[in-house]
Amino acid sequence: MKCGQSYQFLTAIRSKSASAATKVFQTQVMKVKALLLKQLDKKLLEQMLMTKIFVSFPQKFKNIVSAWESVSTKDQKFSELKVCLLIE
């Protein structure tokens, strides 16, 4: 929450206007959910792109796929994949 939004929330609580405080809170929850969905969508798109790359590899490069699968999912980022492929 930004300062202005926090102020609105606290002001609404102090004025004992529960409905206003609830609306501000619900708005913030919706913004957080939207941000999480955007991040999830980006992550899924990245995973789909990496899968497409791996499927297009000739059989002789399947060892790269195996090595990549051993990397923790937290570290499986497209930028890391690019570096690994350039090294190979």
PDB file of N, CA and C in Angstrom:
ATOM      1  N   MET A   1       0.833  -1.174   0.000  1.00  0.00           N
ATOM      2  CA  MET A   1       0.000   0.000   0.000  1.00  0.00           C
ATOM      3  C   MET A   1       0.878   1.238   0.000  1.00  0.00           C
ATOM      4  N   LYS A   2       0.480   2.209  -0.778  1.00  0.00           N
ATOM      5  CA  LYS A   2       1.226   3.456  -0.796  1.00  0.00           C
ATOM      6  C   LYS A   2       0.753   4.323   0.360  1.00  0.00           C
ATOM      7  N   CYS A   3       1.498   5.373   0.667  1.00  0.00           N
ATOM      8  CA  CYS A   3       1.200   6.244   1.809  1.00  0.00           C
ATOM      9  C   CYS A   3      -0.209   6.825   1.726  1.00  0.00           C
ATOM     10  N   GLY A   4      -0.574   7.325   0.548  1.00  0.00           N
ATOM     11  CA  GLY A   4      -1.900   7.924   0.389  1.00  0.00           C
ATOM     12  C   GLY A   4      -3.009   6.915   0.624  1.00  0.00           C
ATOM     13  N   GLN A   5      -2.805   5.703   0.143  1.00  0.00           N
ATOM     14  CA  GLN A   5      -3.813   4.664   0.314  1.00  0.00           C
ATOM     15  C   GLN A   5      -3.884   4.216   1.765  1.00  0.00           C
ATOM     16  N   SER A   6      -2.740   4.128   2.427  1.00  0.00           N
ATOM     17  CA  SER A   6      -2.725   3.778   3.845  1.00  0.00           C
ATOM     18  C   SER A   6      -3.446   4.849   4.652  1.00  0.00           C
ATOM     19  N   TYR A   7      -3.210   6.091   4.277  1.00  0.00           N
ATOM     20  CA  TYR A   7      -3.866   7.202   4.965  1.00  0.00           C
ATOM     21  C   TYR A   7      -5.378   7.112   4.801  1.00  0.00           C
ATOM     22  N   GLN A   8      -5.833   6.821   3.569  1.00  0.00           N
ATOM     23  CA  GLN A   8      -7.286   6.684   3.329  1.00  0.00           C
ATOM     24  C   GLN A   8      -7.861   5.577   4.200  1.00  0.00           C
ATOM     25  N   PHE A   9      -7.153   4.462   4.269  1.00  0.00           N
ATOM     26  CA  PHE A   9      -7.627   3.333   5.047  1.00  0.00           C
ATOM     27  C   PHE A   9      -7.720   3.688   6.530  1.00  0.00           C
ATOM     28  N   LEU A  10      -6.650   4.279   7.066  1.00  0.00           N
ATOM     29  CA  LEU A  10      -6.641   4.638   8.485  1.00  0.00           C
ATOM     30  C   LEU A  10      -7.669   5.720   8.790  1.00  0.00           C
ATOM     31  N   THR A  11      -7.836   6.667   7.890  1.00  0.00           N
ATOM     32  CA  THR A  11      -8.828   7.725   8.081  1.00  0.00           C
ATOM     33  C   THR A  11     -10.231   7.134   8.124  1.00  0.00           C
ATOM     34  N   ALA A  12     -10.482   6.195   7.247  1.00  0.00           N
ATOM     35  CA  ALA A  12     -11.798   5.561   7.217  1.00  0.00           C
ATOM     36  C   ALA A  12     -12.065   4.797   8.515  1.00  0.00           C
ATOM     37  N   ILE A  13     -11.022   4.153   9.049  1.00  0.00           N
ATOM     38  CA  ILE A  13     -11.184   3.412  10.305  1.00  0.00           C
ATOM     39  C   ILE A  13     -11.434   4.386  11.457  1.00  0.00           C
ATOM     40  N   ARG A  14     -10.649   5.458  11.497  1.00  0.00           N
ATOM     41  CA  ARG A  14     -10.797   6.439  12.578  1.00  0.00           C
ATOM     42  C   ARG A  14     -12.170   7.095  12.560  1.00  0.00           C
ATOM     43  N   SER A  15     -12.708   7.311  11.392  1.00  0.00           N
ATOM     44  CA  SER A  15     -14.015   7.966  11.300  1.00  0.00           C
ATOM     45  C   SER A  15     -15.156   6.970  11.540  1.00  0.00           C
ATOM     46  N   LYS A  16     -14.777   5.738  11.897  1.00  0.00           N
ATOM     47  CA  LYS A  16     -15.732   4.673  12.198  1.00  0.00           C
ATOM     48  C   LYS A  16     -16.660   4.389  11.023  1.00  0.00           C
ATOM     49  N   SER A  17     -16.143   4.615   9.852  1.00  0.00           N
ATOM     50  CA  SER A  17     -16.887   4.317   8.640  1.00  0.00           C
ATOM     51  C   SER A  17     -16.386   2.977   8.118  1.00  0.00           C
ATOM     52  N   ALA A  18     -16.951   1.927   8.652  1.00  0.00           N
ATOM     53  CA  ALA A  18     -16.483   0.584   8.309  1.00  0.00           C
ATOM     54  C   ALA A  18     -16.663   0.299   6.828  1.00  0.00           C
ATOM     55  N   SER A  19     -17.736   0.798   6.243  1.00  0.00           N
ATOM     56  CA  SER A  19     -17.962   0.499   4.828  1.00  0.00           C
ATOM     57  C   SER A  19     -16.892   1.149   3.965  1.00  0.00           C
ATOM     58  N   ALA A  20     -16.465   2.362   4.295  1.00  0.00           N
ATOM     59  CA  ALA A  20     -15.406   3.025   3.529  1.00  0.00           C
ATOM     60  C   ALA A  20     -14.083   2.282   3.706  1.00  0.00           C
ATOM     61  N   ALA A  21     -13.785   1.888   4.930  1.00  0.00           N
ATOM     62  CA  ALA A  21     -12.553   1.142   5.191  1.00  0.00           C
ATOM     63  C   ALA A  21     -12.571  -0.193   4.452  1.00  0.00           C
ATOM     64  N   THR A  22     -13.725  -0.817   4.445  1.00  0.00           N
ATOM     65  CA  THR A  22     -13.860  -2.097   3.754  1.00  0.00           C
ATOM     66  C   THR A  22     -13.645  -1.922   2.257  1.00  0.00           C
ATOM     67  N   LYS A  23     -14.201  -0.856   1.693  1.00  0.00           N
ATOM     68  CA  LYS A  23     -14.041  -0.614   0.257  1.00  0.00           C
ATOM     69  C   LYS A  23     -12.579  -0.354  -0.099  1.00  0.00           C
ATOM     70  N   VAL A  24     -11.901   0.426   0.714  1.00  0.00           N
ATOM     71  CA  VAL A  24     -10.480   0.701   0.462  1.00  0.00           C
ATOM     72  C   VAL A  24      -9.686  -0.594   0.562  1.00  0.00           C
ATOM     73  N   PHE A  25      -9.964  -1.388   1.573  1.00  0.00           N
ATOM     74  CA  PHE A  25      -9.267  -2.660   1.753  1.00  0.00           C
ATOM     75  C   PHE A  25      -9.538  -3.600   0.583  1.00  0.00           C
ATOM     76  N   GLN A  26     -10.789  -3.703   0.162  1.00  0.00           N
ATOM     77  CA  GLN A  26     -11.149  -4.578  -0.955  1.00  0.00           C
ATOM     78  C   GLN A  26     -10.460  -4.134  -2.242  1.00  0.00           C
ATOM     79  N   THR A  27     -10.348  -2.829  -2.425  1.00  0.00           N
ATOM     80  CA  THR A  27      -9.657  -2.305  -3.599  1.00  0.00           C
ATOM     81  C   THR A  27      -8.196  -2.730  -3.588  1.00  0.00           C
ATOM     82  N   GLN A  28      -7.568  -2.644  -2.426  1.00  0.00           N
ATOM     83  CA  GLN A  28      -6.160  -3.041  -2.309  1.00  0.00           C
ATOM     84  C   GLN A  28      -5.997  -4.542  -2.553  1.00  0.00           C
ATOM     85  N   VAL A  29      -6.920  -5.330  -2.053  1.00  0.00           N
ATOM     86  CA  VAL A  29      -6.865  -6.785  -2.260  1.00  0.00           C
ATOM     87  C   VAL A  29      -6.994  -7.091  -3.748  1.00  0.00           C
ATOM     88  N   MET A  30      -7.892  -6.399  -4.430  1.00  0.00           N
ATOM     89  CA  MET A  30      -8.074  -6.625  -5.865  1.00  0.00           C
ATOM     90  C   MET A  30      -6.813  -6.232  -6.636  1.00  0.00           C
ATOM     91  N   LYS A  31      -6.150  -5.162  -6.235  1.00  0.00           N
ATOM     92  CA  LYS A  31      -4.912  -4.743  -6.904  1.00  0.00           C
ATOM     93  C   LYS A  31      -3.817  -5.785  -6.710  1.00  0.00           C
ATOM     94  N   VAL A  32      -3.710  -6.326  -5.508  1.00  0.00           N
ATOM     95  CA  VAL A  32      -2.702  -7.356  -5.231  1.00  0.00           C
ATOM     96  C   VAL A  32      -2.998  -8.607  -6.051  1.00  0.00           C
ATOM     97  N   LYS A  33      -4.260  -9.007  -6.117  1.00  0.00           N
ATOM     98  CA  LYS A  33      -4.638 -10.182  -6.913  1.00  0.00           C
ATOM     99  C   LYS A  33      -4.311  -9.970  -8.387  1.00  0.00           C
ATOM    100  N   ALA A  34      -4.590  -8.777  -8.908  1.00  0.00           N
ATOM    101  CA  ALA A  34      -4.289  -8.477 -10.304  1.00  0.00           C
ATOM    102  C   ALA A  34      -2.787  -8.561 -10.573  1.00  0.00           C
ATOM    103  N   LEU A  35      -1.994  -8.039  -9.650  1.00  0.00           N
ATOM    104  CA  LEU A  35      -0.539  -8.091  -9.791  1.00  0.00           C
ATOM    105  C   LEU A  35      -0.045  -9.540  -9.772  1.00  0.00           C
ATOM    106  N   LEU A  36      -0.592 -10.343  -8.870  1.00  0.00           N
ATOM    107  CA  LEU A  36      -0.193 -11.751  -8.794  1.00  0.00           C
ATOM    108  C   LEU A  36      -0.558 -12.502 -10.068  1.00  0.00           C
ATOM    109  N   LEU A  37      -1.734 -12.210 -10.623  1.00  0.00           N
ATOM    110  CA  LEU A  37      -2.145 -12.865 -11.869  1.00  0.00           C
ATOM    111  C   LEU A  37      -1.230 -12.473 -13.023  1.00  0.00           C
ATOM    112  N   LYS A  38      -0.814 -11.207 -13.075  1.00  0.00           N
ATOM    113  CA  LYS A  38       0.117 -10.778 -14.121  1.00  0.00           C
ATOM    114  C   LYS A  38       1.438 -11.525 -13.999  1.00  0.00           C
ATOM    115  N   GLN A  39       1.937 -11.653 -12.772  1.00  0.00           N
ATOM    116  CA  GLN A  39       3.204 -12.356 -12.558  1.00  0.00           C
ATOM    117  C   GLN A  39       3.072 -13.829 -12.923  1.00  0.00           C
ATOM    118  N   LEU A  40       1.953 -14.430 -12.572  1.00  0.00           N
ATOM    119  CA  LEU A  40       1.721 -15.835 -12.897  1.00  0.00           C
ATOM    120  C   LEU A  40       1.650 -16.020 -14.402  1.00  0.00           C
ATOM    121  N   ASP A  41       0.957 -15.110 -15.079  1.00  0.00           N
ATOM    122  CA  ASP A  41       0.828 -15.186 -16.534  1.00  0.00           C
ATOM    123  C   ASP A  41       2.196 -15.079 -17.189  1.00  0.00           C
ATOM    124  N   LYS A  42       3.033 -14.169 -16.698  1.00  0.00           N
ATOM    125  CA  LYS A  42       4.380 -14.003 -17.243  1.00  0.00           C
ATOM    126  C   LYS A  42       5.196 -15.267 -17.030  1.00  0.00           C
ATOM    127  N   LYS A  43       5.084 -15.847 -15.849  1.00  0.00           N
ATOM    128  CA  LYS A  43       5.834 -17.064 -15.541  1.00  0.00           C
ATOM    129  C   LYS A  43       5.373 -18.217 -16.439  1.00  0.00           C
ATOM    130  N   LEU A  44       4.058 -18.330 -16.652  1.00  0.00           N
ATOM    131  CA  LEU A  44       3.547 -19.398 -17.511  1.00  0.00           C
ATOM    132  C   LEU A  44       4.008 -19.210 -18.948  1.00  0.00           C
ATOM    133  N   LEU A  45       3.993 -17.977 -19.424  1.00  0.00           N
ATOM    134  CA  LEU A  45       4.451 -17.693 -20.774  1.00  0.00           C
ATOM    135  C   LEU A  45       5.923 -18.072 -20.927  1.00  0.00           C
ATOM    136  N   GLU A  46       6.723 -17.732 -19.936  1.00  0.00           N
ATOM    137  CA  GLU A  46       8.146 -18.067 -19.958  1.00  0.00           C
ATOM    138  C   GLU A  46       8.337 -19.584 -19.972  1.00  0.00           C
ATOM    139  N   GLN A  47       7.565 -20.302 -19.151  1.00  0.00           N
ATOM    140  CA  GLN A  47       7.665 -21.768 -19.108  1.00  0.00           C
ATOM    141  C   GLN A  47       7.272 -22.380 -20.451  1.00  0.00           C
ATOM    142  N   MET A  48       6.223 -21.836 -21.075  1.00  0.00           N
ATOM    143  CA  MET A  48       5.785 -22.350 -22.373  1.00  0.00           C
ATOM    144  C   MET A  48       6.857 -22.131 -23.433  1.00  0.00           C
ATOM    145  N   LEU A  49       7.503 -20.975 -23.405  1.00  0.00           N
ATOM    146  CA  LEU A  49       8.562 -20.674 -24.362  1.00  0.00           C
ATOM    147  C   LEU A  49       9.742 -21.624 -24.178  1.00  0.00           C
ATOM    148  N   MET A  50      10.133 -21.868 -22.939  1.00  0.00           N
ATOM    149  CA  MET A  50      11.250 -22.783 -22.682  1.00  0.00           C
ATOM    150  C   MET A  50      10.895 -24.201 -23.130  1.00  0.00           C
ATOM    151  N   THR A  51       9.663 -24.615 -22.899  1.00  0.00           N
ATOM    152  CA  THR A  51       9.230 -25.941 -23.340  1.00  0.00           C
ATOM    153  C   THR A  51       9.304 -26.055 -24.851  1.00  0.00           C
ATOM    154  N   LYS A  52       8.855 -25.024 -25.543  1.00  0.00           N
ATOM    155  CA  LYS A  52       8.907 -25.001 -27.007  1.00  0.00           C
ATOM    156  C   LYS A  52      10.356 -25.126 -27.487  1.00  0.00           C
ATOM    157  N   ILE A  53      11.270 -24.442 -26.826  1.00  0.00           N
ATOM    158  CA  ILE A  53      12.685 -24.518 -27.190  1.00  0.00           C
ATOM    159  C   ILE A  53      13.207 -25.937 -27.001  1.00  0.00           C
ATOM    160  N   PHE A  54      12.898 -26.540 -25.846  1.00  0.00           N
ATOM    161  CA  PHE A  54      13.387 -27.898 -25.568  1.00  0.00           C
ATOM    162  C   PHE A  54      12.830 -28.922 -26.549  1.00  0.00           C
ATOM    163  N   VAL A  55      11.574 -28.783 -26.918  1.00  0.00           N
ATOM    164  CA  VAL A  55      10.949 -29.736 -27.840  1.00  0.00           C
ATOM    165  C   VAL A  55      11.589 -29.642 -29.222  1.00  0.00           C
ATOM    166  N   SER A  56      12.079 -28.458 -29.564  1.00  0.00           N
ATOM    167  CA  SER A  56      12.662 -28.274 -30.897  1.00  0.00           C
ATOM    168  C   SER A  56      14.100 -28.796 -30.999  1.00  0.00           C
ATOM    169  N   PHE A  57      14.715 -29.169 -29.875  1.00  0.00           N
ATOM    170  CA  PHE A  57      16.094 -29.657 -29.905  1.00  0.00           C
ATOM    171  C   PHE A  57      16.189 -30.998 -30.620  1.00  0.00           C
ATOM    172  N   PRO A  58      17.258 -31.196 -31.398  1.00  0.00           N
ATOM    173  CA  PRO A  58      17.524 -32.532 -31.955  1.00  0.00           C
ATOM    174  C   PRO A  58      17.870 -33.508 -30.818  1.00  0.00           C
ATOM    175  N   GLN A  59      17.779 -34.767 -31.100  1.00  0.00           N
ATOM    176  CA  GLN A  59      18.007 -35.805 -30.093  1.00  0.00           C
ATOM    177  C   GLN A  59      19.380 -35.687 -29.432  1.00  0.00           C
ATOM    178  N   LYS A  60      20.391 -35.262 -30.175  1.00  0.00           N
ATOM    179  CA  LYS A  60      21.749 -35.202 -29.611  1.00  0.00           C
ATOM    180  C   LYS A  60      21.893 -34.145 -28.516  1.00  0.00           C
ATOM    181  N   PHE A  61      20.925 -33.236 -28.369  1.00  0.00           N
ATOM    182  CA  PHE A  61      20.980 -32.206 -27.326  1.00  0.00           C
ATOM    183  C   PHE A  61      20.065 -32.514 -26.140  1.00  0.00           C
ATOM    184  N   LYS A  62      19.556 -33.715 -26.049  1.00  0.00           N
ATOM    185  CA  LYS A  62      18.644 -34.063 -24.954  1.00  0.00           C
ATOM    186  C   LYS A  62      19.333 -34.021 -23.591  1.00  0.00           C
ATOM    187  N   ASN A  63      20.668 -34.132 -23.583  1.00  0.00           N
ATOM    188  CA  ASN A  63      21.378 -34.031 -22.302  1.00  0.00           C
ATOM    189  C   ASN A  63      21.236 -32.636 -21.699  1.00  0.00           C
ATOM    190  N   ILE A  64      21.091 -31.627 -22.544  1.00  0.00           N
ATOM    191  CA  ILE A  64      20.891 -30.261 -22.050  1.00  0.00           C
ATOM    192  C   ILE A  64      19.542 -30.168 -21.339  1.00  0.00           C
ATOM    193  N   VAL A  65      18.537 -30.815 -21.916  1.00  0.00           N
ATOM    194  CA  VAL A  65      17.203 -30.813 -21.306  1.00  0.00           C
ATOM    195  C   VAL A  65      17.265 -31.489 -19.948  1.00  0.00           C
ATOM    196  N   SER A  66      17.937 -32.618 -19.871  1.00  0.00           N
ATOM    197  CA  SER A  66      18.069 -33.329 -18.592  1.00  0.00           C
ATOM    198  C   SER A  66      18.785 -32.474 -17.559  1.00  0.00           C
ATOM    199  N   ALA A  67      19.834 -31.806 -17.977  1.00  0.00           N
ATOM    200  CA  ALA A  67      20.577 -30.946 -17.060  1.00  0.00           C
ATOM    201  C   ALA A  67      19.693 -29.788 -16.578  1.00  0.00           C
ATOM    202  N   TRP A  68      18.911 -29.231 -17.490  1.00  0.00           N
ATOM    203  CA  TRP A  68      18.039 -28.105 -17.124  1.00  0.00           C
ATOM    204  C   TRP A  68      16.965 -28.549 -16.134  1.00  0.00           C
ATOM    205  N   GLU A  69      16.452 -29.739 -16.303  1.00  0.00           N
ATOM    206  CA  GLU A  69      15.424 -30.247 -15.389  1.00  0.00           C
ATOM    207  C   GLU A  69      15.969 -30.464 -13.992  1.00  0.00           C
ATOM    208  N   SER A  70      17.274 -30.622 -13.860  1.00  0.00           N
ATOM    209  CA  SER A  70      17.866 -30.799 -12.532  1.00  0.00           C
ATOM    210  C   SER A  70      18.058 -29.461 -11.806  1.00  0.00           C
ATOM    211  N   VAL A  71      17.911 -28.356 -12.530  1.00  0.00           N
ATOM    212  CA  VAL A  71      18.004 -27.027 -11.915  1.00  0.00           C
ATOM    213  C   VAL A  71      16.716 -26.773 -11.140  1.00  0.00           C
ATOM    214  N   SER A  72      16.813 -26.135  -9.984  1.00  0.00           N
ATOM    215  CA  SER A  72      15.611 -25.860  -9.187  1.00  0.00           C
ATOM    216  C   SER A  72      14.662 -24.961  -9.977  1.00  0.00           C
ATOM    217  N   THR A  73      13.387 -25.168  -9.796  1.00  0.00           N
ATOM    218  CA  THR A  73      12.386 -24.401 -10.556  1.00  0.00           C
ATOM    219  C   THR A  73      12.495 -22.910 -10.276  1.00  0.00           C
ATOM    220  N   LYS A  74      12.978 -22.554  -9.102  1.00  0.00           N
ATOM    221  CA  LYS A  74      13.166 -21.137  -8.764  1.00  0.00           C
ATOM    222  C   LYS A  74      14.201 -20.498  -9.684  1.00  0.00           C
ATOM    223  N   ASP A  75      15.188 -21.274 -10.088  1.00  0.00           N
ATOM    224  CA  ASP A  75      16.275 -20.759 -10.928  1.00  0.00           C
ATOM    225  C   ASP A  75      16.054 -21.000 -12.419  1.00  0.00           C
ATOM    226  N   GLN A  76      14.955 -21.625 -12.780  1.00  0.00           N
ATOM    227  CA  GLN A  76      14.681 -21.885 -14.193  1.00  0.00           C
ATOM    228  C   GLN A  76      14.041 -20.653 -14.830  1.00  0.00           C
ATOM    229  N   LYS A  77      14.895 -19.729 -15.209  1.00  0.00           N
ATOM    230  CA  LYS A  77      14.443 -18.494 -15.850  1.00  0.00           C
ATOM    231  C   LYS A  77      14.992 -18.470 -17.270  1.00  0.00           C
ATOM    232  N   PHE A  78      14.269 -17.768 -18.136  1.00  0.00           N
ATOM    233  CA  PHE A  78      14.679 -17.710 -19.531  1.00  0.00           C
ATOM    234  C   PHE A  78      16.079 -17.129 -19.685  1.00  0.00           C
ATOM    235  N   SER A  79      16.398 -16.117 -18.903  1.00  0.00           N
ATOM    236  CA  SER A  79      17.728 -15.502 -18.992  1.00  0.00           C
ATOM    237  C   SER A  79      18.813 -16.519 -18.639  1.00  0.00           C
ATOM    238  N   GLU A  80      18.539 -17.364 -17.646  1.00  0.00           N
ATOM    239  CA  GLU A  80      19.503 -18.405 -17.266  1.00  0.00           C
ATOM    240  C   GLU A  80      19.629 -19.454 -18.366  1.00  0.00           C
ATOM    241  N   LEU A  81      18.515 -19.784 -18.987  1.00  0.00           N
ATOM    242  CA  LEU A  81      18.534 -20.766 -20.076  1.00  0.00           C
ATOM    243  C   LEU A  81      19.384 -20.248 -21.240  1.00  0.00           C
ATOM    244  N   LYS A  82      19.220 -18.971 -21.558  1.00  0.00           N
ATOM    245  CA  LYS A  82      19.995 -18.376 -22.637  1.00  0.00           C
ATOM    246  C   LYS A  82      21.488 -18.491 -22.362  1.00  0.00           C
ATOM    247  N   VAL A  83      21.883 -18.196 -21.153  1.00  0.00           N
ATOM    248  CA  VAL A  83      23.305 -18.284 -20.781  1.00  0.00           C
ATOM    249  C   VAL A  83      23.798 -19.720 -20.920  1.00  0.00           C
ATOM    250  N   CYS A  84      23.029 -20.656 -20.423  1.00  0.00           N
ATOM    251  CA  CYS A  84      23.428 -22.074 -20.498  1.00  0.00           C
ATOM    252  C   CYS A  84      23.552 -22.533 -21.948  1.00  0.00           C
ATOM    253  N   LEU A  85      22.629 -22.121 -22.794  1.00  0.00           N
ATOM    254  CA  LEU A  85      22.671 -22.537 -24.197  1.00  0.00           C
ATOM    255  C   LEU A  85      23.860 -21.910 -24.929  1.00  0.00           C
ATOM    256  N   LEU A  86      24.188 -20.678 -24.598  1.00  0.00           N
ATOM    257  CA  LEU A  86      25.341 -20.027 -25.222  1.00  0.00           C
ATOM    258  C   LEU A  86      26.642 -20.704 -24.813  1.00  0.00           C
ATOM    259  N   ILE A  87      26.687 -21.190 -23.588  1.00  0.00           N
ATOM    260  CA  ILE A  87      27.886 -21.896 -23.114  1.00  0.00           C
ATOM    261  C   ILE A  87      28.058 -23.211 -23.860  1.00  0.00           C
ATOM    262  N   GLU A  88      26.947 -23.898 -24.067  1.00  0.00           N
ATOM    263  CA  GLU A  88      26.985 -25.193 -24.777  1.00  0.00           C
ATOM    264  C   GLU A  88      27.298 -24.941 -26.231  1.00  0.00           C
TER     265      GLU A  88
END
